[in-house]
Amino acid sequence: MKFARLEKPLLFVVTLSLAAALLVSAAMSRNAGHWPMFGGTPGRNMVSETESNMPIEWDAESNKNIKWTVDLGSQSFGGPVVGGGKLLVGTNNQSPRDTTHKGDRGVLMCFREDNGEFLWQATHTRLPAGRVNDWPELGLCSSPYIEGNRAYYVSNRCEVICVDMEGFRDGENDGPVVDEPASGETDADIIWKYDLMRELGVFPHNVAVCAPLVVEGRVFIVTGNGVDEGHRRLPNARAPSFVALDQESGKLLWADRSPGRRVLHGQWSNPAYGVINGQAIVVFPGGDGWIYAFDAAGNPERRNQSKLIWKFDCNPKDSIWVLGGRGTRNSIVGTPVIQDDKVYVGVGQDPEHGLGIGHLWCIDGTKTGNVSTHLVYDKAAPDKPINETRLNQFIPFDNDKHMTKPNPNSAEVWHYGGEDGTKKFDNVVYGRTISTVAVYGDLVFAAELAGFLHCLDSKTGQVHWKYDMLSNVWGSPYVVDGKVYLGDEDGDVVVFEASKEMKIVAENIMDNAVYSTVVATGGTLYLMTWNRLYALHSQD
């Protein structure tokens, strides 16, 4: 009878507890952030469609709109991404969380999203070749990809790594990798690892930086294959520049050697994904300045190989590559954006090469084949276009031997850039860029390395306005809640109205350079300076 009398109250309590737990879980789900990759979505568009009430002003000294802050290493380039109540960033080891991890390392740090509590880290020693492969103190530059309880990133040692989002805090060692060099409570639990240098002969130049893209069970990677220390020889032209790995096991699914020996310098960009005309494609920016679109599933007729859908040369045919950045041909450092069946991308070079002429393109993603604006012909045989894989940085377009004709299959929607024809010192319309664009309705916001932010019509490329940040820009414009946020090398973060009329809403001065892009998710704006991470929210 006593058990009978307790049965209903116990059931009632359990029911209430379960309901309360579900309500708490729902509340946490509503407040939890979700920006799981660089660009937020596979299309890589730097726009948040859901967040609102973001702070436009903040101040670290008065704590205005500051939710929490944490120290990072002395240089930070990778991140931030948010998912499952956790936040990941890439930095170096100059402010070690664990002093047993000594020396110059690439570091992936994991924090709790709501309060900034440090949870765990993955650290990677530098490659023995030094600055040619792994530049001192750059740290880990890859922005990870979070999906469920796993994250994927590229280490400074040119390894694609899958880690458990719990680290070793859950007391488990998830395999198949079970021999991690460190397995303390604050260490990373590596699930699998694929070494691009050992397995495929990839030779990263300066550093491997790719932000992985995980779609349809595949991990897409720009390998970073580049030139040697002398900047003239490609140590392994047969090493692939683009690969797809199995998400679950890390096994190689397919690889592509484009652009082969035509790599100009290094390859530091990221792939994008979209479905165009029912075709799932992954778009890779090549180290030769071409964009390559592949069937995301690979080539069913040839195992472990890719299937090219289209390619587009993002440089004028008569542009030339000159060591040290003095030429006019560029590679692609910014990430392509896929939006409304179009691909938006700008060209640039290593920032150490300085400023120069750049180009911003809007490309029709529905075409196939060579969809460049022009084709190249030998003057001796002007009726048949040549195979441009014959050309590389040291055998470029030759005005005495070659000629160009407009390509009837061109996918150019519009082009913005080049020179304005005035022959003045400042006659560059749009300069080199290492940034990714934000496509917001009928507007495109695009930054160039020189510090100019351009607002263009997304359909025509017509320029609406241009603003000078007065400092170099490495990060990307980011649109949220009808505002555009952009940081610069001086540490200024300017907030604009996302409109055809140029209007500054606020200016914020940070205590260090801002090389990354702000991220808005879960009611919080995340801002990473060179050495510190800020979580910002509106306190009004």
Protein backbone atom coordinates (compact mmCIF):
# COMPACT_ATOMS: atom_id res chain seq x y z
CA MET A 1 0.00 0.00 0.00
CA LYS A 2 2.87 2.38 0.76
CA PHE A 3 4.30 1.76 -2.69
CA ALA A 4 0.82 2.27 -4.16
CA ARG A 5 0.48 5.60 -2.39
CA LEU A 6 3.91 6.70 -3.65
CA GLU A 7 3.37 5.59 -7.22
CA LYS A 8 1.34 8.58 -8.47
CA PRO A 9 3.33 11.27 -6.62
CA LEU A 10 6.56 9.71 -7.86
CA LEU A 11 5.24 9.57 -11.39
CA PHE A 12 4.07 13.17 -11.03
CA VAL A 13 7.52 14.30 -9.82
CA VAL A 14 9.29 12.41 -12.56
CA THR A 15 6.93 13.91 -15.14
CA LEU A 16 7.50 17.41 -13.79
CA SER A 17 11.27 16.85 -13.75
CA LEU A 18 11.23 15.59 -17.31
CA ALA A 19 9.09 18.53 -18.44
CA ALA A 20 11.41 20.97 -16.69
CA ALA A 21 14.43 19.33 -18.28
CA LEU A 22 12.81 19.56 -21.70
CA LEU A 23 12.00 23.23 -21.14
CA VAL A 24 15.58 23.93 -20.06
CA SER A 25 16.87 21.98 -23.04
CA ALA A 26 14.58 23.90 -25.38
CA ALA A 27 15.70 27.19 -23.88
CA MET A 28 19.34 26.18 -24.23
CA SER A 29 18.67 25.12 -27.81
CA ARG A 30 17.12 28.48 -28.59
CA ASN A 31 20.03 30.36 -27.05
CA ALA A 32 22.79 28.09 -28.32
CA GLY A 33 24.75 29.37 -31.27
CA HIS A 34 25.21 27.68 -34.61
CA TRP A 35 27.93 29.02 -36.88
CA PRO A 36 29.66 25.69 -37.47
CA MET A 37 32.09 26.61 -40.25
CA PHE A 38 33.88 29.49 -41.91
CA GLY A 39 31.09 31.33 -43.71
CA GLY A 40 28.35 29.69 -41.63
CA THR A 41 26.93 27.58 -44.47
CA PRO A 42 28.47 25.47 -47.27
CA GLY A 43 27.93 28.37 -49.69
CA ARG A 44 30.33 30.40 -47.48
CA ASN A 45 28.25 33.59 -47.67
CA MET A 46 29.25 35.98 -44.87
CA VAL A 47 25.67 36.77 -43.90
CA SER A 48 23.54 35.79 -40.90
CA GLU A 49 19.88 35.42 -41.84
CA THR A 50 18.56 34.76 -38.32
CA GLU A 51 20.38 36.81 -35.69
CA SER A 52 19.12 40.17 -34.45
CA ASN A 53 19.72 42.72 -31.68
CA MET A 54 23.48 42.60 -32.12
CA PRO A 55 25.57 45.24 -30.32
CA ILE A 56 26.96 47.99 -32.52
CA GLU A 57 29.13 49.53 -29.78
CA TRP A 58 31.18 47.99 -26.99
CA ASP A 59 33.97 48.96 -24.64
CA ALA A 60 36.32 46.65 -22.76
CA GLU A 61 37.28 49.19 -20.09
CA SER A 62 33.71 49.97 -19.00
CA ASN A 63 32.50 46.43 -19.82
CA LYS A 64 29.81 47.88 -22.06
CA ASN A 65 28.12 45.06 -23.99
CA ILE A 66 30.92 42.66 -22.99
CA LYS A 67 29.61 39.19 -22.12
CA TRP A 68 33.02 37.59 -21.55
CA THR A 69 36.59 37.67 -22.86
CA VAL A 70 39.46 35.18 -22.93
CA ASP A 71 43.15 35.44 -23.73
CA LEU A 72 44.49 33.58 -26.75
CA GLY A 73 48.04 33.19 -28.07
CA SER A 74 50.07 36.09 -29.41
CA GLN A 75 48.74 35.55 -32.98
CA SER A 76 45.29 34.18 -33.83
CA PHE A 77 43.98 33.52 -37.33
CA GLY A 78 41.73 30.43 -37.14
CA GLY A 79 38.12 30.82 -36.19
CA PRO A 80 35.82 31.34 -34.51
CA VAL A 81 33.18 28.67 -35.13
CA VAL A 82 30.32 27.71 -32.81
CA GLY A 83 28.23 24.57 -32.38
CA GLY A 84 26.81 22.30 -29.68
CA GLY A 85 27.36 24.87 -26.95
CA LYS A 86 31.10 25.09 -27.68
CA LEU A 87 33.36 27.48 -29.53
CA LEU A 88 36.61 26.68 -31.37
CA VAL A 89 39.43 29.00 -32.44
CA GLY A 90 42.93 28.53 -33.85
CA THR A 91 45.90 30.32 -32.27
CA ASN A 92 49.53 29.76 -31.23
CA ASN A 93 51.15 28.59 -27.98
CA GLN A 94 52.52 31.88 -26.67
CA SER A 95 50.04 31.86 -23.74
CA PRO A 96 49.95 28.12 -22.98
CA ARG A 97 46.99 26.66 -21.12
CA ASP A 98 49.18 23.67 -20.25
CA THR A 99 52.89 24.36 -19.65
CA THR A 100 53.76 20.74 -20.48
CA HIS A 101 53.05 21.63 -24.11
CA LYS A 102 56.20 23.62 -24.69
CA GLY A 103 57.52 25.61 -27.60
CA ASP A 104 56.05 27.04 -30.79
CA ARG A 105 52.89 25.09 -31.66
CA GLY A 106 49.65 25.38 -33.53
CA VAL A 107 46.79 25.29 -31.02
CA LEU A 108 43.08 24.57 -31.40
CA MET A 109 41.24 25.84 -28.31
CA CYS A 110 37.74 24.86 -27.21
CA PHE A 111 35.66 27.10 -24.93
CA ARG A 112 32.20 26.87 -23.45
CA GLU A 113 29.94 29.10 -25.49
CA ASP A 114 27.91 30.69 -22.71
CA ASN A 115 30.71 31.78 -20.35
CA GLY A 116 34.06 31.33 -22.11
CA GLU A 117 35.27 28.53 -19.84
CA PHE A 118 38.31 26.80 -21.30
CA LEU A 119 37.52 23.12 -21.95
CA TRP A 120 40.34 21.50 -23.94
CA GLN A 121 42.97 22.06 -26.61
CA ALA A 122 44.83 20.29 -29.40
CA THR A 123 48.47 21.30 -29.84
CA HIS A 124 50.73 20.52 -32.79
CA THR A 125 54.50 21.02 -32.90
CA ARG A 126 55.95 22.83 -35.89
CA LEU A 127 57.17 21.04 -38.97
CA PRO A 128 60.96 20.54 -39.07
CA ALA A 129 61.36 22.35 -42.41
CA GLY A 130 60.58 25.62 -40.65
CA ARG A 131 59.18 28.71 -42.32
CA VAL A 132 58.98 27.25 -45.82
CA ASN A 133 56.21 24.87 -44.61
CA ASP A 134 55.20 26.14 -41.17
CA TRP A 135 55.90 29.82 -40.50
CA PRO A 136 57.07 30.61 -36.93
CA GLU A 137 54.36 31.57 -34.43
CA LEU A 138 51.53 31.67 -36.99
CA GLY A 139 49.94 28.86 -35.03
CA LEU A 140 46.86 27.04 -36.27
CA CYS A 141 45.21 29.10 -39.03
CA SER A 142 42.38 26.74 -40.03
CA SER A 143 38.82 27.59 -39.03
CA PRO A 144 37.30 24.22 -38.04
CA TYR A 145 34.04 22.63 -39.08
CA ILE A 146 31.70 21.41 -36.32
CA GLU A 147 29.09 18.72 -36.93
CA GLY A 148 27.42 16.96 -34.02
CA ASN A 149 30.01 15.77 -31.57
CA ARG A 150 32.92 16.01 -34.01
CA ALA A 151 35.04 18.79 -35.43
CA TYR A 152 37.35 18.81 -38.46
CA TYR A 153 40.33 21.07 -39.08
CA VAL A 154 43.72 21.29 -40.82
CA SER A 155 46.72 21.47 -38.50
CA ASN A 156 49.82 23.57 -39.07
CA ARG A 157 51.51 20.24 -39.95
CA CYS A 158 49.21 19.88 -43.01
CA GLU A 159 47.11 17.12 -41.41
CA VAL A 160 43.34 16.84 -41.73
CA ILE A 161 42.14 15.99 -38.23
CA CYS A 162 38.82 14.84 -36.79
CA VAL A 163 38.38 15.37 -33.04
CA ASP A 164 35.73 14.56 -30.45
CA MET A 165 34.08 17.77 -29.25
CA GLU A 166 34.23 16.50 -25.66
CA GLY A 167 38.00 16.09 -25.69
CA PHE A 168 39.17 13.74 -22.95
CA ARG A 169 36.83 15.38 -20.43
CA ASP A 170 34.38 12.53 -20.96
CA GLY A 171 36.98 9.96 -19.91
CA GLU A 172 36.81 8.14 -23.27
CA ASN A 173 39.39 7.66 -26.00
CA ASP A 174 37.50 7.47 -29.27
CA GLY A 175 39.32 5.63 -32.05
CA PRO A 176 40.76 4.59 -34.35
CA VAL A 177 43.50 6.94 -33.10
CA VAL A 178 44.18 5.90 -29.48
CA ASP A 179 47.84 6.86 -29.10
CA GLU A 180 47.53 10.63 -28.72
CA PRO A 181 50.72 12.18 -27.31
CA ALA A 182 48.66 13.82 -24.56
CA SER A 183 45.45 12.52 -23.00
CA GLY A 184 44.83 14.70 -19.96
CA GLU A 185 41.42 16.16 -19.15
CA THR A 186 42.16 19.32 -21.15
CA ASP A 187 43.64 17.56 -24.18
CA ALA A 188 41.98 16.81 -27.51
CA ASP A 189 40.68 13.35 -28.33
CA ILE A 190 41.70 12.71 -31.93
CA ILE A 191 39.39 10.30 -33.79
CA TRP A 192 41.25 10.14 -37.11
CA LYS A 193 44.06 11.94 -38.89
CA TYR A 194 45.10 12.15 -42.56
CA ASP A 195 48.62 13.46 -43.21
CA LEU A 196 48.55 15.23 -46.59
CA MET A 197 52.34 15.50 -46.78
CA ARG A 198 53.09 11.86 -45.99
CA GLU A 199 50.18 10.30 -47.88
CA LEU A 200 50.05 12.51 -50.98
CA GLY A 201 53.37 14.34 -51.14
CA VAL A 202 51.80 17.76 -50.59
CA PHE A 203 54.28 20.59 -49.99
CA PRO A 204 52.55 23.44 -48.14
CA HIS A 205 54.10 26.86 -48.65
CA ASN A 206 54.42 28.92 -45.43
CA VAL A 207 51.46 27.26 -43.72
CA ALA A 208 48.43 25.01 -44.29
CA VAL A 209 45.26 26.97 -43.58
CA CYS A 210 42.21 25.37 -45.20
CA ALA A 211 38.86 25.63 -43.43
CA PRO A 212 37.32 22.20 -44.13
CA LEU A 213 33.95 21.80 -45.77
CA VAL A 214 31.90 18.75 -44.75
CA VAL A 215 28.95 17.84 -46.98
CA GLU A 216 27.28 14.56 -47.96
CA GLY A 217 29.65 12.54 -45.79
CA ARG A 218 32.73 14.04 -47.45
CA VAL A 219 35.41 16.37 -46.11
CA PHE A 220 36.61 18.71 -48.86
CA ILE A 221 40.09 20.23 -48.50
CA VAL A 222 42.40 22.61 -50.37
CA THR A 223 45.69 20.84 -49.65
CA GLY A 224 47.95 23.90 -49.77
CA ASN A 225 50.47 22.46 -52.23
CA GLY A 226 52.93 25.19 -53.20
CA VAL A 227 56.42 26.28 -54.18
CA ASP A 228 59.70 25.76 -52.34
CA GLU A 229 61.72 28.28 -50.37
CA GLY A 230 63.22 29.73 -53.55
CA HIS A 231 59.70 30.47 -54.83
CA ARG A 232 60.54 29.13 -58.29
CA ARG A 233 60.14 25.37 -58.10
CA LEU A 234 57.12 23.28 -57.22
CA PRO A 235 58.60 20.34 -55.25
CA ASN A 236 55.74 18.06 -56.27
CA ALA A 237 53.61 19.18 -59.20
CA ARG A 238 51.84 15.80 -59.14
CA ALA A 239 50.55 16.26 -55.60
CA PRO A 240 46.83 17.06 -55.53
CA SER A 241 45.57 20.53 -54.70
CA PHE A 242 42.02 19.39 -53.90
CA VAL A 243 40.85 16.27 -52.09
CA ALA A 244 37.73 14.67 -50.67
CA LEU A 245 37.97 12.43 -47.60
CA ASP A 246 35.40 10.15 -46.03
CA GLN A 247 33.87 11.97 -43.08
CA GLU A 248 33.61 8.90 -40.87
CA SER A 249 37.00 7.28 -41.45
CA GLY A 250 39.26 9.89 -43.07
CA LYS A 251 39.86 7.63 -46.07
CA LEU A 252 40.74 9.33 -49.36
CA LEU A 253 37.74 9.31 -51.73
CA TRP A 254 39.07 11.40 -54.61
CA ALA A 255 41.85 13.81 -55.44
CA ASP A 256 42.54 16.31 -58.21
CA ARG A 257 45.94 17.56 -59.40
CA SER A 258 44.70 20.81 -60.91
CA PRO A 259 46.37 23.26 -61.25
CA GLY A 260 49.49 21.10 -61.22
CA ARG A 261 52.69 22.91 -62.19
CA ARG A 262 50.82 26.21 -62.67
CA VAL A 263 50.64 26.97 -58.92
CA LEU A 264 51.98 30.51 -58.57
CA HIS A 265 52.94 30.58 -54.90
CA GLY A 266 50.86 28.85 -52.21
CA GLN A 267 47.22 27.80 -51.83
CA TRP A 268 45.47 29.31 -48.82
CA SER A 269 41.79 29.40 -49.68
CA ASN A 270 38.74 27.25 -48.91
CA PRO A 271 36.17 25.29 -50.94
CA ALA A 272 32.47 26.13 -51.23
CA TYR A 273 29.48 23.89 -51.99
CA GLY A 274 26.15 24.37 -53.71
CA VAL A 275 23.45 22.62 -55.73
CA ILE A 276 23.05 24.25 -59.14
CA ASN A 277 20.61 22.89 -61.73
CA GLY A 278 20.23 19.81 -59.57
CA GLN A 279 23.98 19.19 -59.66
CA ALA A 280 25.85 19.13 -56.33
CA ILE A 281 29.14 20.90 -56.96
CA VAL A 282 32.13 21.80 -54.84
CA VAL A 283 34.03 24.88 -55.97
CA PHE A 284 37.79 25.03 -55.41
CA PRO A 285 39.94 28.16 -55.76
CA GLY A 286 43.22 27.18 -57.42
CA GLY A 287 46.71 28.46 -56.80
CA ASP A 288 46.87 29.46 -60.48
CA GLY A 289 44.05 31.97 -60.15
CA TRP A 290 41.42 29.67 -61.70
CA ILE A 291 38.18 28.54 -60.07
CA TYR A 292 37.37 24.83 -60.52
CA ALA A 293 33.89 23.34 -60.00
CA PHE A 294 33.74 19.56 -59.48
CA ASP A 295 31.00 17.00 -59.06
CA ALA A 296 30.88 16.69 -55.26
CA ALA A 297 30.44 12.92 -55.55
CA GLY A 298 33.62 12.51 -57.56
CA ASN A 299 33.77 10.55 -60.80
CA PRO A 300 31.69 7.34 -60.80
CA GLU A 301 33.53 6.17 -63.94
CA ARG A 302 37.02 6.57 -62.46
CA ARG A 303 37.64 5.53 -58.89
CA ASN A 304 39.39 8.04 -56.64
CA GLN A 305 39.22 10.73 -59.31
CA SER A 306 37.32 13.97 -59.63
CA LYS A 307 34.89 15.06 -62.34
CA LEU A 308 35.32 18.63 -63.56
CA ILE A 309 32.09 20.52 -64.30
CA TRP A 310 33.55 23.90 -65.23
CA LYS A 311 36.59 26.15 -64.76
CA PHE A 312 37.08 29.92 -64.94
CA ASP A 313 40.25 32.01 -65.18
CA CYS A 314 39.95 34.91 -62.71
CA ASN A 315 42.81 36.89 -64.30
CA PRO A 316 43.12 38.67 -67.66
CA LYS A 317 44.97 36.46 -70.13
CA ASP A 318 47.83 38.93 -70.56
CA SER A 319 48.45 39.28 -66.82
CA ILE A 320 51.87 38.12 -65.66
CA TRP A 321 53.24 36.61 -62.48
CA VAL A 322 56.38 38.26 -61.10
CA LEU A 323 58.12 37.04 -57.96
CA GLY A 324 57.54 39.26 -54.94
CA GLY A 325 54.13 40.44 -56.07
CA ARG A 326 55.21 42.97 -58.68
CA GLY A 327 53.18 41.36 -61.46
CA THR A 328 49.52 41.52 -62.40
CA ARG A 329 48.49 37.85 -62.21
CA ASN A 330 47.02 36.84 -58.85
CA SER A 331 46.03 33.66 -57.12
CA ILE A 332 42.93 33.32 -54.92
CA VAL A 333 43.16 33.72 -51.15
CA GLY A 334 39.59 34.76 -50.36
CA THR A 335 36.89 32.09 -50.36
CA PRO A 336 34.36 31.78 -53.22
CA VAL A 337 30.72 32.38 -52.27
CA ILE A 338 27.87 30.48 -53.93
CA GLN A 339 24.56 32.34 -53.89
CA ASP A 340 21.55 32.07 -56.24
CA ASP A 341 23.42 29.85 -58.75
CA LYS A 342 26.26 32.36 -58.96
CA VAL A 343 29.83 32.29 -57.67
CA TYR A 344 31.40 35.48 -56.29
CA VAL A 345 35.18 35.63 -55.82
CA GLY A 346 38.08 38.07 -55.81
CA VAL A 347 41.78 37.54 -56.50
CA GLY A 348 44.81 38.43 -54.41
CA GLN A 349 48.23 37.40 -53.14
CA ASP A 350 50.17 36.83 -49.95
CA PRO A 351 49.72 40.11 -47.99
CA GLU A 352 53.51 40.38 -47.72
CA HIS A 353 53.54 41.01 -51.49
CA GLY A 354 51.77 44.30 -50.93
CA LEU A 355 49.02 46.00 -52.88
CA GLY A 356 48.23 45.65 -56.57
CA ILE A 357 45.55 45.33 -59.22
CA GLY A 358 42.70 43.00 -58.32
CA HIS A 359 39.53 41.64 -59.86
CA LEU A 360 36.14 40.73 -58.45
CA TRP A 361 33.94 38.34 -60.43
CA CYS A 362 30.35 37.19 -60.50
CA ILE A 363 30.25 33.85 -62.37
CA ASP A 364 27.24 31.97 -63.71
CA GLY A 365 27.45 28.58 -62.04
CA THR A 366 25.07 26.84 -64.45
CA LYS A 367 27.48 26.44 -67.37
CA THR A 368 29.95 23.66 -68.16
CA GLY A 369 33.45 23.41 -69.63
CA ASN A 370 35.96 26.24 -69.88
CA VAL A 371 33.78 29.24 -69.03
CA SER A 372 36.51 31.92 -68.88
CA THR A 373 35.88 35.28 -70.50
CA HIS A 374 38.47 34.64 -73.23
CA LEU A 375 40.27 31.73 -74.86
CA VAL A 376 43.94 31.66 -75.92
CA TYR A 377 45.10 30.80 -79.46
CA ASP A 378 48.46 30.41 -81.14
CA LYS A 379 48.81 33.14 -83.75
CA ALA A 380 50.10 30.49 -86.12
CA ALA A 381 46.87 28.48 -85.69
CA PRO A 382 44.14 30.99 -84.80
CA ASP A 383 41.19 28.66 -85.35
CA LYS A 384 41.70 26.27 -82.43
CA PRO A 385 42.16 27.34 -78.79
CA ILE A 386 45.25 25.94 -77.10
CA ASN A 387 45.29 23.74 -74.04
CA GLU A 388 46.19 26.28 -71.36
CA THR A 389 47.69 23.66 -69.09
CA ARG A 390 50.77 24.20 -71.32
CA LEU A 391 51.13 27.65 -69.77
CA ASN A 392 52.50 28.25 -66.28
CA GLN A 393 53.99 31.11 -64.30
CA PHE A 394 57.29 30.92 -66.19
CA ILE A 395 55.78 30.32 -69.65
CA PRO A 396 52.95 32.87 -69.51
CA PHE A 397 50.79 34.39 -72.20
CA ASP A 398 53.15 35.73 -74.88
CA ASN A 399 51.91 38.64 -77.01
CA ASP A 400 54.28 37.65 -79.81
CA LYS A 401 52.98 34.07 -79.98
CA HIS A 402 49.46 34.15 -78.53
CA MET A 403 46.20 35.92 -79.12
CA THR A 404 42.84 35.91 -77.36
CA LYS A 405 39.25 35.79 -78.51
CA PRO A 406 36.06 36.20 -76.49
CA ASN A 407 34.73 32.89 -75.25
CA PRO A 408 31.17 32.27 -76.53
CA ASN A 409 30.71 29.97 -73.52
CA SER A 410 31.81 32.58 -70.99
CA ALA A 411 30.12 32.45 -67.59
CA GLU A 412 30.96 36.03 -66.68
CA VAL A 413 27.93 37.80 -65.22
CA TRP A 414 29.93 40.87 -64.28
CA HIS A 415 33.48 41.97 -63.49
CA TYR A 416 34.71 44.74 -61.20
CA GLY A 417 38.34 45.79 -60.97
CA GLY A 418 41.42 46.49 -63.01
CA GLU A 419 42.55 50.07 -63.67
CA ASP A 420 40.36 53.07 -64.50
CA GLY A 421 42.52 54.21 -67.43
CA THR A 422 43.58 57.54 -65.90
CA LYS A 423 47.20 56.45 -65.35
CA LYS A 424 47.12 58.18 -61.97
CA PHE A 425 48.91 56.75 -58.94
CA ASP A 426 45.60 55.66 -57.40
CA ASN A 427 43.91 54.43 -60.57
CA VAL A 428 43.12 50.91 -59.26
CA VAL A 429 39.36 50.29 -59.29
CA TYR A 430 39.55 47.26 -57.04
CA GLY A 431 42.77 45.97 -55.54
CA ARG A 432 44.02 42.60 -54.38
CA THR A 433 41.90 40.96 -51.75
CA ILE A 434 42.23 38.10 -49.28
CA SER A 435 38.65 38.59 -48.07
CA THR A 436 35.39 36.78 -48.74
CA VAL A 437 32.33 38.72 -49.91
CA ALA A 438 28.95 39.05 -48.26
CA VAL A 439 25.98 38.81 -50.65
CA TYR A 440 22.96 40.44 -49.01
CA GLY A 441 19.90 40.56 -51.23
CA ASP A 442 20.73 42.79 -54.18
CA LEU A 443 23.97 44.02 -52.56
CA VAL A 444 27.52 42.67 -52.43
CA PHE A 445 29.97 43.90 -49.83
CA ALA A 446 33.60 43.29 -50.79
CA ALA A 447 36.80 44.41 -49.03
CA GLU A 448 40.24 44.77 -50.55
CA LEU A 449 43.59 44.43 -48.80
CA ALA A 450 44.26 48.16 -49.12
CA GLY A 451 41.37 48.77 -46.73
CA PHE A 452 38.55 49.82 -49.03
CA LEU A 453 35.06 48.42 -48.53
CA HIS A 454 32.97 48.36 -51.72
CA CYS A 455 29.18 48.10 -51.93
CA LEU A 456 28.02 46.77 -55.31
CA ASP A 457 24.82 45.66 -56.99
CA SER A 458 24.82 41.85 -56.83
CA LYS A 459 23.11 41.50 -60.22
CA THR A 460 25.09 44.05 -62.28
CA GLY A 461 28.29 44.84 -60.37
CA GLN A 462 27.44 48.55 -60.39
CA VAL A 463 29.21 50.29 -57.50
CA HIS A 464 27.04 52.10 -54.95
CA TRP A 465 29.74 53.34 -52.60
CA LYS A 466 33.31 52.88 -51.42
CA TYR A 467 34.77 53.54 -47.96
CA ASP A 468 38.42 53.80 -46.90
CA MET A 469 39.18 52.07 -43.57
CA LEU A 470 42.65 53.74 -43.64
CA SER A 471 44.29 50.44 -42.74
CA ASN A 472 44.79 47.04 -44.36
CA VAL A 473 41.91 44.57 -44.17
CA TRP A 474 42.50 40.81 -43.84
CA GLY A 475 39.08 39.74 -42.57
CA SER A 476 35.76 39.82 -44.41
CA PRO A 477 32.70 42.06 -44.27
CA TYR A 478 29.95 40.36 -42.28
CA VAL A 479 26.24 41.21 -42.50
CA VAL A 480 23.86 40.66 -39.59
CA ASP A 481 20.64 42.40 -38.54
CA GLY A 482 20.89 44.86 -41.44
CA LYS A 483 24.40 45.95 -40.47
CA VAL A 484 27.85 45.35 -41.99
CA TYR A 485 30.77 44.74 -39.60
CA LEU A 486 34.40 45.04 -40.74
CA GLY A 487 37.65 45.06 -38.75
CA ASP A 488 41.12 46.18 -39.85
CA GLU A 489 44.80 45.88 -39.04
CA ASP A 490 44.70 48.98 -36.80
CA GLY A 491 42.13 47.29 -34.58
CA ASP A 492 39.17 49.42 -35.70
CA VAL A 493 35.80 47.72 -36.19
CA VAL A 494 33.40 49.84 -38.24
CA VAL A 495 29.66 49.13 -38.41
CA PHE A 496 27.73 50.28 -41.50
CA GLU A 497 24.12 50.18 -42.59
CA ALA A 498 23.68 47.36 -45.12
CA SER A 499 22.19 49.64 -47.76
CA LYS A 500 22.86 51.35 -51.07
CA GLU A 501 23.63 54.56 -49.19
CA MET A 502 26.90 54.67 -47.26
CA LYS A 503 26.14 55.26 -43.58
CA ILE A 504 28.44 54.57 -40.64
CA VAL A 505 26.53 53.42 -37.58
CA ALA A 506 29.41 53.03 -35.11
CA GLU A 507 33.19 52.77 -34.80
CA ASN A 508 34.89 50.66 -32.16
CA ILE A 509 38.59 50.70 -31.32
CA MET A 510 40.17 47.45 -30.12
CA ASP A 511 43.51 47.10 -28.35
CA ASN A 512 45.02 44.94 -31.12
CA ALA A 513 44.71 44.12 -34.80
CA VAL A 514 41.57 42.41 -36.10
CA TYR A 515 42.57 39.91 -38.79
CA SER A 516 39.50 37.67 -38.55
CA THR A 517 35.81 38.06 -39.34
CA VAL A 518 33.19 38.67 -36.66
CA VAL A 519 30.59 35.94 -36.09
CA ALA A 520 27.03 36.41 -34.82
CA THR A 521 25.17 33.46 -33.36
CA GLY A 522 23.08 32.55 -30.30
CA GLY A 523 22.43 36.20 -29.50
CA THR A 524 26.17 36.88 -29.23
CA LEU A 525 28.70 38.60 -31.48
CA TYR A 526 32.15 36.99 -31.39
CA LEU A 527 35.15 39.14 -32.22
CA MET A 528 38.71 37.82 -32.28
CA THR A 529 41.66 40.18 -32.19
CA TRP A 530 45.23 39.07 -32.67
CA ASN A 531 45.47 37.83 -29.08
CA ARG A 532 42.02 37.90 -27.49
CA LEU A 533 38.49 36.62 -28.03
CA TYR A 534 35.48 38.81 -27.13
CA ALA A 535 31.88 37.66 -26.69
CA LEU A 536 29.64 40.70 -27.13
CA HIS A 537 25.91 41.10 -26.50
CA SER A 538 23.38 43.91 -26.25
CA GLN A 539 22.75 44.75 -22.61
CA ASP A 540 19.83 47.09 -23.33
